Amino acid sequence: MDDDQQHEYEQELLLQLNVVEAKLADVKARWPYHSVQAKMVAELEDLEEKRDHIKLIIRNRRGIHCE
């Protein structure tokens, strides 16, 4: 992969991360105080896993810690 392709790939990863984080914020905003549905818990966990996976890829590509 040349530098331009690497830069494009990293930009795509960052875009995906932003989308996942926006979806996480949406789920948390809809989170009820009582009687959380299993579907919402599963959605939250899935999004958190996706976020963590993307962050890991970015961190490994950069060789630095990405919070």
C-alpha atoms as a PDB file:
ATOM      1  CA  MET A   1       0.000   0.000   0.000  1.00  0.00           C
ATOM      2  CA  ASP A   2       1.435   3.381  -0.929  1.00  0.00           C
ATOM      3  CA  ASP A   3       1.191   6.487   1.261  1.00  0.00           C
ATOM      4  CA  ASP A   4      -1.972   7.776  -0.433  1.00  0.00           C
ATOM      5  CA  GLN A   5      -3.749   4.441  -0.001  1.00  0.00           C
ATOM      6  CA  GLN A   6      -2.649   4.228   3.631  1.00  0.00           C
ATOM      7  CA  HIS A   7      -3.944   7.736   4.262  1.00  0.00           C
ATOM      8  CA  GLU A   8      -7.269   6.898   2.576  1.00  0.00           C
ATOM      9  CA  TYR A   9      -7.596   3.713   4.639  1.00  0.00           C
ATOM     10  CA  GLU A  10      -6.919   5.580   7.863  1.00  0.00           C
ATOM     11  CA  GLN A  11      -9.475   8.243   6.924  1.00  0.00           C
ATOM     12  CA  GLU A  12     -12.035   5.494   6.257  1.00  0.00           C
ATOM     13  CA  LEU A  13     -11.286   3.957   9.663  1.00  0.00           C
ATOM     14  CA  LEU A  14     -11.749   7.324  11.352  1.00  0.00           C
ATOM     15  CA  LEU A  15     -15.037   7.835   9.512  1.00  0.00           C
ATOM     16  CA  GLN A  16     -16.238   4.392  10.620  1.00  0.00           C
ATOM     17  CA  LEU A  17     -15.190   5.209  14.184  1.00  0.00           C
ATOM     18  CA  ASN A  18     -17.182   8.460  14.100  1.00  0.00           C
ATOM     19  CA  VAL A  19     -20.265   6.631  12.804  1.00  0.00           C
ATOM     20  CA  VAL A  20     -20.033   3.955  15.498  1.00  0.00           C
ATOM     21  CA  GLU A  21     -19.504   6.547  18.235  1.00  0.00           C
ATOM     22  CA  ALA A  22     -22.533   8.508  17.003  1.00  0.00           C
ATOM     23  CA  LYS A  23     -24.635   5.335  17.111  1.00  0.00           C
ATOM     24  CA  LEU A  24     -23.353   4.630  20.631  1.00  0.00           C
ATOM     25  CA  ALA A  25     -24.380   8.111  21.719  1.00  0.00           C
ATOM     26  CA  ASP A  26     -27.829   7.527  20.209  1.00  0.00           C
ATOM     27  CA  VAL A  27     -28.291   4.223  22.045  1.00  0.00           C
ATOM     28  CA  LYS A  28     -27.196   5.815  25.318  1.00  0.00           C
ATOM     29  CA  ALA A  29     -29.584   8.732  24.769  1.00  0.00           C
ATOM     30  CA  ARG A  30     -32.479   6.288  24.272  1.00  0.00           C
ATOM     31  CA  TRP A  31     -31.448   4.160  27.272  1.00  0.00           C
ATOM     32  CA  PRO A  32     -34.447   3.904  29.645  1.00  0.00           C
ATOM     33  CA  TYR A  33     -34.106   4.299  33.395  1.00  0.00           C
ATOM     34  CA  HIS A  34     -35.936   1.022  33.968  1.00  0.00           C
ATOM     35  CA  SER A  35     -36.628  -2.199  32.112  1.00  0.00           C
ATOM     36  CA  VAL A  36     -33.844  -2.130  29.536  1.00  0.00           C
ATOM     37  CA  GLN A  37     -34.663  -4.460  26.661  1.00  0.00           C
ATOM     38  CA  ALA A  38     -32.205  -7.219  25.842  1.00  0.00           C
ATOM     39  CA  LYS A  39     -32.141  -5.945  22.256  1.00  0.00           C
ATOM     40  CA  MET A  40     -30.755  -2.585  23.405  1.00  0.00           C
ATOM     41  CA  VAL A  41     -28.124  -4.236  25.588  1.00  0.00           C
ATOM     42  CA  ALA A  42     -27.025  -6.374  22.641  1.00  0.00           C
ATOM     43  CA  GLU A  43     -26.926  -3.319  20.355  1.00  0.00           C
ATOM     44  CA  LEU A  44     -24.805  -1.402  22.868  1.00  0.00           C
ATOM     45  CA  GLU A  45     -22.394  -4.303  23.304  1.00  0.00           C
ATOM     46  CA  ASP A  46     -22.095  -4.804  19.541  1.00  0.00           C
ATOM     47  CA  LEU A  47     -21.326  -1.132  18.959  1.00  0.00           C
ATOM     48  CA  GLU A  48     -18.783  -1.087  21.793  1.00  0.00           C
ATOM     49  CA  GLU A  49     -17.040  -4.111  20.274  1.00  0.00           C
ATOM     50  CA  LYS A  50     -16.963  -2.455  16.837  1.00  0.00           C
ATOM     51  CA  ARG A  51     -15.588   0.751  18.354  1.00  0.00           C
ATOM     52  CA  ASP A  52     -12.896  -1.122  20.245  1.00  0.00           C
ATOM     53  CA  HIS A  53     -11.936  -3.122  17.153  1.00  0.00           C
ATOM     54  CA  ILE A  54     -11.588  -0.003  14.995  1.00  0.00           C
ATOM     55  CA  LYS A  55      -9.546   1.717  17.703  1.00  0.00           C
ATOM     56  CA  LEU A  56      -7.271  -1.313  17.906  1.00  0.00           C
ATOM     57  CA  ILE A  57      -6.679  -1.245  14.149  1.00  0.00           C
ATOM     58  CA  ILE A  58      -5.918   2.484  14.255  1.00  0.00           C
ATOM     59  CA  ARG A  59      -3.626   2.062  17.254  1.00  0.00           C
ATOM     60  CA  ASN A  60      -1.738  -0.782  15.571  1.00  0.00           C
ATOM     61  CA  ARG A  61      -1.354   1.187  12.336  1.00  0.00           C
ATOM     62  CA  ARG A  62      -0.078   4.264  14.125  1.00  0.00           C
ATOM     63  CA  GLY A  63       1.910   2.414  16.733  1.00  0.00           C
ATOM     64  CA  ILE A  64       0.433   4.645  19.439  1.00  0.00           C
ATOM     65  CA  HIS A  65      -2.319   4.530  22.026  1.00  0.00           C
ATOM     66  CA  CYS A  66      -5.665   5.775  20.669  1.00  0.00           C
ATOM     67  CA  GLU A  67      -8.295   6.747  23.250  1.00  0.00           C
END
